[in-house]
Structures are given as structure tokens and as C-alpha cells.
């Protein structure tokens, strides 16, 4: 039976996802040695984002002008030519469609390391939960293969999406950019009402298997007052730990490669990080 166009689209959403990177041997996206799968596309626009290539849902071309030797080989380059390869890595295609089996194959390569280190796989982004049907299916496959699973999310999705994946998720890495709504809108372009509401619900449903992640960005959210607002909110949340993530500028070159403007913030002082840890009782 031939599928209708809209049926084909729904089937692809469930069996394929747009992913821009799969990193093995990660130590920063949850416990132990992990493989991190980065989904492309995000509905939060953090002005300090160090992975701007993760924001657009579509495939993109990054151009690093300083690496280009003007050989001319890339004149016919398009985002659909996944076999294109620049010898100098001056132009790179960001994002491609993966099947569930392709992603699972990459994850399973390091299963022995997960078992020996208490690690597993982390699904990140962008916002991995915006491709929820694929995410649900790959999580099921991971649990069938006894792989520890973690979801790195900004939480700006319908609660129904959380309900789909909670049974197959061992750990949530949940971002809180700030508490004050007007500040959140200024820094990310969206309200944080849904984000905080989802965290409250997740706190009850996931039995505290949550690590709160707070980016510390000087010039945005690094006042003692804002940190105290977050600390007071978290008093009623069940969570495992809090990670403070100091802002860095390692993604600045990606903005230039994409031809978009990079907002300049400041790296927080180490003494301030210590003060914020104290305020959060870390």
C-alpha cells in the first residue's frame, strides 16, 4: 500500500532525525564515559550559545575563511551533498539525517566503556526533545540494550513530550538559564514559565533523577540576587545535583563561519563562581 505524503512525513519523523554531531568518550554530559548525540534544531535562542550550528533545524554550511585556499572545488557544494569533503575543512556541512539503527550502532560501539565507568548515552542538542518521536524510539532501543540514558534539555516543550520518554530515561540534565522571566526573555527570546512548570512536574515524576545545569554568564545572570531566586525556587524541587557552567568563548568562531553576529559576554570570575556555589549550598 502506497503511503500518502503526510504519512511519509510522519514515518520519517519517527524513524529519522537531523543530527549534527555524535561525540564519543565524553566526560561532561553525565556520569562516566558517554556518547553524546547532538540533535539539530532549538526553540530557545540563548545569546551566549556556544553551539550556534545547533539552532537551525535545517542542514547548514559552515565556512571557515581562514582555512580556505580558494581551490574552487566547492563551487558546486550544496547541503544535500553529504559526500562532499573539503581537504582543508574550510567548508563543512552541518547536520544530516540518521536512522535509529545508525545512531544505535554508534552508541553500541562503546558499551563496554559504559559498563566499566557507569556511563552511557546522552541525547542533547539543540533541543533533542523537539524530535520527540525519534527520541522515544532510540531511547527504547537503548534500554533494550541495557545502556544508561540521559536527556539534556532546556525544557521548553509540551509536558506530553516528557511523559513519552520518562519511562526510558535514567537521568535528566535540566537547564535553568535564570529565574526572572523578563531577563529570560531578554537572553533567550522565550518565557521560562513553561520551563519552570515542566521542571516541577518532572521533579515529582522522575524521583529526583535530575541534575540542574545553570550557565553562569557575566553580563546576564551572574548577580547574587538572580542566583538566590534560583536557589529559592529549587528548595521545592527534587534533584540529584547542580552544575554551574561558566560561560566561555570557544564557540565564537562558529558564528563567523555561519555568517551571524555573536553577542559578546564576559567570562565569570572564579571568586564569583565560589560565591554562587555557596548561595546554592554546593
Protein backbone atom coordinates (compact mmCIF):
# COMPACT_ATOMS: atom_id res chain seq x y z
CA UNK A 1 0.00 0.00 0.00
CA UNK A 2 1.36 3.38 -1.03
CA UNK A 3 1.60 5.96 1.76
CA UNK A 4 0.19 9.45 1.40
CA UNK A 5 2.73 12.35 1.50
CA UNK A 6 1.69 13.32 5.04
CA UNK A 7 2.04 9.69 6.16
CA UNK A 8 5.55 9.57 4.71
CA UNK A 9 6.43 12.72 6.67
CA UNK A 10 5.14 11.25 9.94
CA UNK A 11 7.02 8.00 9.32
CA UNK A 12 10.28 9.86 8.65
CA UNK A 13 9.88 11.94 11.82
CA UNK A 14 9.70 8.72 13.79
CA UNK A 15 12.46 6.79 12.01
CA UNK A 16 14.92 9.58 11.11
CA UNK A 17 16.33 12.60 12.91
CA UNK A 18 18.54 15.51 11.92
CA UNK A 19 21.73 15.27 13.96
CA UNK A 20 24.81 17.47 13.68
CA UNK A 21 27.34 15.54 15.77
CA UNK A 22 27.91 12.32 17.69
CA UNK A 23 30.76 12.59 20.18
CA UNK A 24 32.25 9.54 21.82
CA UNK A 25 34.33 9.49 25.01
CA UNK A 26 32.58 12.45 26.62
CA UNK A 27 33.04 13.14 30.33
CA UNK A 28 30.90 16.29 30.68
CA UNK A 29 27.37 15.19 29.76
CA UNK A 30 26.51 12.95 32.70
CA UNK A 31 28.23 10.25 34.77
CA UNK A 32 31.01 8.02 33.44
CA UNK A 33 32.21 7.72 29.86
CA UNK A 34 29.42 8.73 27.50
CA UNK A 35 28.45 9.08 23.87
CA UNK A 36 26.64 12.38 23.26
CA UNK A 37 24.21 12.64 20.35
CA UNK A 38 23.54 16.24 19.28
CA UNK A 39 20.15 16.83 17.65
CA UNK A 40 19.83 19.82 15.32
CA UNK A 41 17.19 22.46 15.98
CA UNK A 42 16.29 24.51 19.03
CA UNK A 43 13.38 26.75 20.07
CA UNK A 44 15.43 28.73 22.60
CA UNK A 45 17.87 31.36 21.34
CA UNK A 46 20.45 31.83 24.09
CA UNK A 47 22.50 34.89 23.18
CA UNK A 48 25.65 33.18 24.56
CA UNK A 49 25.09 29.81 22.82
CA UNK A 50 28.42 28.10 22.10
CA UNK A 51 26.85 25.77 19.50
CA UNK A 52 25.03 28.19 17.15
CA UNK A 53 25.04 25.50 14.46
CA UNK A 54 22.58 23.59 16.66
CA UNK A 55 19.82 26.22 16.43
CA UNK A 56 18.56 25.83 12.85
CA UNK A 57 16.56 22.67 12.11
CA UNK A 58 17.87 22.59 8.54
CA UNK A 59 21.29 21.48 7.36
CA UNK A 60 23.79 24.34 7.01
CA UNK A 61 27.21 25.05 5.55
CA UNK A 62 29.91 26.42 7.84
CA UNK A 63 32.68 28.36 6.09
CA UNK A 64 35.97 28.91 7.91
CA UNK A 65 37.54 31.56 5.68
CA UNK A 66 40.98 31.36 7.31
CA UNK A 67 41.31 27.72 6.20
CA UNK A 68 40.28 28.31 2.59
CA UNK A 69 42.94 28.00 -0.17
CA UNK A 70 40.47 29.02 -2.91
CA UNK A 71 40.94 25.75 -4.78
CA UNK A 72 37.44 26.10 -6.24
CA UNK A 73 36.45 22.51 -5.55
CA UNK A 74 33.41 23.57 -3.50
CA UNK A 75 31.73 25.74 -6.15
CA UNK A 76 29.00 23.16 -6.67
CA UNK A 77 28.61 22.40 -2.97
CA UNK A 78 25.08 22.06 -1.59
CA UNK A 79 23.76 20.98 1.80
CA UNK A 80 22.33 17.84 0.17
CA UNK A 81 25.74 16.59 -0.97
CA UNK A 82 26.67 14.58 2.11
CA UNK A 83 29.68 13.03 0.34
CA UNK A 84 31.37 16.42 -0.11
CA UNK A 85 34.73 16.68 1.60
CA UNK A 86 36.90 19.80 1.82
CA UNK A 87 40.58 18.87 2.12
CA UNK A 88 41.22 21.89 4.33
CA UNK A 89 37.95 21.62 6.29
CA UNK A 90 37.19 25.21 5.26
CA UNK A 91 33.61 24.31 4.35
CA UNK A 92 31.66 21.79 6.36
CA UNK A 93 28.11 20.53 6.05
CA UNK A 94 26.42 20.64 9.43
CA UNK A 95 23.63 18.13 10.01
CA UNK A 96 22.38 15.02 8.30
CA UNK A 97 19.51 12.57 8.61
CA UNK A 98 20.23 9.49 10.72
CA UNK A 99 18.13 6.37 11.10
CA UNK A 100 17.53 4.83 14.50
CA UNK A 101 19.81 1.92 13.63
CA UNK A 102 22.65 4.23 12.53
CA UNK A 103 22.54 6.11 15.84
CA UNK A 104 22.25 2.89 17.83
CA UNK A 105 25.27 1.44 16.02
CA UNK A 106 27.38 4.44 17.09
CA UNK A 107 26.13 4.22 20.67
CA UNK A 108 26.84 0.50 21.00
CA UNK A 109 30.48 0.84 19.91
CA UNK A 110 31.43 1.89 23.46
CA UNK A 111 29.07 -0.24 25.55
CA UNK A 112 32.00 -1.89 27.34
CA UNK A 113 33.22 1.55 28.48
CA UNK A 114 29.74 2.50 29.72
CA UNK A 115 29.60 -0.64 31.84
CA UNK A 116 33.07 -0.19 33.32
CA UNK A 117 32.65 3.54 34.09
CA UNK A 118 28.96 3.87 34.92
CA UNK A 119 28.43 5.83 31.72
CA UNK A 120 26.01 5.65 28.82
CA UNK A 121 24.45 7.83 26.14
CA UNK A 122 23.29 11.45 26.42
CA UNK A 123 20.89 12.97 23.93
CA UNK A 124 21.49 16.68 23.59
CA UNK A 125 21.18 19.48 21.03
CA UNK A 126 19.97 21.93 20.13
CA UNK A 127 16.88 20.54 21.78
CA UNK A 128 16.60 16.78 21.34
CA UNK A 129 13.01 16.76 22.60
CA UNK A 130 11.81 18.66 19.53
CA UNK A 131 12.29 15.44 17.57
CA UNK A 132 10.37 13.52 20.19
CA UNK A 133 9.11 10.55 18.15
CA UNK A 134 12.61 9.57 17.06
CA UNK A 135 13.94 10.26 20.56
CA UNK A 136 11.36 7.98 22.15
CA UNK A 137 12.22 5.13 19.77
CA UNK A 138 16.00 5.40 20.21
CA UNK A 139 15.58 5.56 24.00
CA UNK A 140 13.58 2.33 23.88
CA UNK A 141 16.37 0.68 21.87
CA UNK A 142 18.97 1.83 24.39
CA UNK A 143 17.02 0.38 27.30
CA UNK A 144 16.58 -2.91 25.41
CA UNK A 145 20.40 -2.99 25.21
CA UNK A 146 20.91 -2.01 28.89
CA UNK A 147 22.50 1.35 28.10
CA UNK A 148 22.14 4.15 30.68
CA UNK A 149 20.27 7.10 29.13
CA UNK A 150 20.37 10.83 29.82
CA UNK A 151 18.45 13.73 28.28
CA UNK A 152 19.99 17.22 28.13
CA UNK A 153 17.09 19.66 27.75
CA UNK A 154 16.09 23.30 28.12
CA UNK A 155 12.59 22.09 28.96
CA UNK A 156 10.74 24.40 26.56
CA UNK A 157 8.49 21.67 25.16
CA UNK A 158 4.95 20.39 25.91
CA UNK A 159 4.69 18.28 29.06
CA UNK A 160 3.33 15.44 26.93
CA UNK A 161 6.79 15.09 25.40
CA UNK A 162 8.28 14.41 28.83
CA UNK A 163 5.58 11.84 29.52
CA UNK A 164 6.61 9.92 26.41
CA UNK A 165 10.25 9.50 27.44
CA UNK A 166 10.29 9.41 31.26
CA UNK A 167 9.91 5.58 31.31
CA UNK A 168 13.09 5.18 29.22
CA UNK A 169 15.24 7.97 30.70
CA UNK A 170 17.59 7.37 33.64
CA UNK A 171 18.74 10.96 34.10
CA UNK A 172 17.69 14.45 33.03
CA UNK A 173 20.21 17.28 32.65
CA UNK A 174 17.87 20.26 33.00
CA UNK A 175 18.90 23.83 32.16
CA UNK A 176 17.86 26.83 34.21
CA UNK A 177 19.17 29.94 32.44
CA UNK A 178 17.73 32.31 35.03
CA UNK A 179 14.60 32.74 37.17
CA UNK A 180 13.33 36.24 36.35
CA UNK A 181 11.00 35.95 33.35
CA UNK A 182 11.82 39.33 31.76
CA UNK A 183 15.53 38.52 31.98
CA UNK A 184 14.93 35.10 30.44
CA UNK A 185 13.05 36.63 27.51
CA UNK A 186 15.84 39.16 27.01
CA UNK A 187 18.56 36.50 26.97
CA UNK A 188 16.79 33.66 25.16
CA UNK A 189 13.84 35.14 23.28
CA UNK A 190 11.30 33.00 25.17
CA UNK A 191 9.49 32.97 28.51
CA UNK A 192 10.60 30.48 31.16
CA UNK A 193 7.11 29.82 32.58
CA UNK A 194 6.70 26.52 30.75
CA UNK A 195 10.30 25.55 31.55
CA UNK A 196 9.83 26.01 35.31
CA UNK A 197 6.39 24.34 35.28
CA UNK A 198 7.84 21.31 33.49
CA UNK A 199 10.68 21.09 35.99
CA UNK A 200 8.22 21.00 38.90
CA UNK A 201 6.28 18.15 37.26
CA UNK A 202 9.46 16.30 36.28
CA UNK A 203 10.72 16.62 39.85
CA UNK A 204 7.74 14.60 41.05
CA UNK A 205 7.68 12.06 38.20
CA UNK A 206 11.40 11.27 37.85
CA UNK A 207 12.08 10.69 41.60
CA UNK A 208 14.87 13.24 41.70
CA UNK A 209 16.95 11.82 38.83
CA UNK A 210 17.72 15.35 37.67
CA UNK A 211 20.91 17.36 37.50
CA UNK A 212 20.21 21.10 37.33
CA UNK A 213 22.54 22.95 34.95
CA UNK A 214 22.98 26.70 35.34
CA UNK A 215 25.07 28.63 32.81
CA UNK A 216 26.86 31.47 34.59
CA UNK A 217 27.12 34.35 32.13
CA UNK A 218 28.64 37.64 33.28
CA UNK A 219 26.53 40.49 31.99
CA UNK A 220 23.39 38.33 32.03
CA UNK A 221 22.52 36.18 35.06
CA UNK A 222 25.51 36.38 37.39
CA UNK A 223 24.10 38.63 40.09
CA UNK A 224 23.79 37.27 43.62
CA UNK A 225 20.11 38.29 43.54
CA UNK A 226 19.37 36.15 40.47
CA UNK A 227 21.26 33.17 41.88
CA UNK A 228 19.26 33.47 45.11
CA UNK A 229 16.00 33.47 43.13
CA UNK A 230 17.09 30.18 41.55
CA UNK A 231 18.17 28.77 44.92
CA UNK A 232 14.79 29.59 46.49
CA UNK A 233 12.91 28.02 43.57
CA UNK A 234 14.97 24.83 43.84
CA UNK A 235 14.04 24.37 47.51
CA UNK A 236 10.82 22.73 46.32
CA UNK A 237 12.44 20.67 43.58
CA UNK A 238 13.78 17.12 43.95
CA UNK A 239 17.13 16.84 42.17
CA UNK A 240 20.41 14.99 42.40
CA UNK A 241 22.92 17.80 41.93
CA UNK A 242 23.58 21.26 40.49
CA UNK A 243 26.25 22.03 37.88
CA UNK A 244 27.40 25.60 37.35
CA UNK A 245 28.61 26.07 33.77
CA UNK A 246 30.84 29.17 33.45
CA UNK A 247 30.45 31.00 30.13
CA UNK A 248 33.30 30.58 27.64
CA UNK A 249 34.06 31.92 24.17
CA UNK A 250 35.09 28.70 22.46
CA UNK A 251 32.15 28.85 20.06
CA UNK A 252 32.84 32.36 18.73
CA UNK A 253 34.48 31.10 15.52
CA UNK A 254 31.31 29.18 14.64
CA UNK A 255 29.28 32.40 14.46
CA UNK A 256 31.72 33.77 11.91
CA UNK A 257 31.55 30.50 9.95
CA UNK A 258 27.75 30.78 9.82
CA UNK A 259 27.84 34.47 8.95
CA UNK A 260 25.86 35.55 12.00
CA UNK A 261 26.58 38.07 14.76
CA UNK A 262 27.98 36.86 18.07
CA UNK A 263 26.85 38.63 21.26
CA UNK A 264 29.85 39.26 23.47
CA UNK A 265 29.56 38.36 27.15
CA UNK A 266 32.19 38.05 29.85
CA UNK A 267 33.76 35.01 31.46
CA UNK A 268 32.79 34.96 35.18
CA UNK A 269 35.45 35.42 37.82
CA UNK A 270 36.43 32.29 39.76
CA UNK A 271 35.69 34.05 43.04
CA UNK A 272 32.15 34.75 41.87
CA UNK A 273 31.65 31.10 40.98
CA UNK A 274 32.69 30.18 44.54
CA UNK A 275 30.20 32.72 45.91
CA UNK A 276 27.36 31.33 43.77
CA UNK A 277 28.17 27.77 44.86
CA UNK A 278 27.85 28.93 48.46
CA UNK A 279 24.49 30.59 47.74
CA UNK A 280 23.29 27.35 46.17
CA UNK A 281 24.65 25.33 49.11
CA UNK A 282 27.04 23.36 46.89
